[in-house]
Amino acid sequence: MSITPERWKEIEELYHASVDQAPEIRDALLEKTSPEVREIVKRLLSQEETGILDRPACNTDEPSHSDGRSEASTRLQAFWSYFPGPKPR
């Protein structure tokens, strides 16, 4: 699936419309969209439940991993793993 600006707008709108809803309302909203968009929004919503979206992506005081990667790099790789297609480098 190619994520066009229009698709991102659809994802963003559906996410914001469903994030604070009860599970049955959230499910009804998600059923109205394509399976690809539904899956992305479900993954984003699952991250909301864990609080990962509330943490900063980068903390310059954090030590790097032993292989030289920063914690921010690791978090960004985890974020992008939720989306199909080519990944940014």
Foldseek 3Di string as FASTA:
>chain_A
DDCDPVNVVVLVVLLVVQLPDDPVVNVVSLVVDDPQSSQLSVVVSVCVVVCVVVDDLDDPPADDDPVRHRSSNVVVVVNCVSHDDDDDD
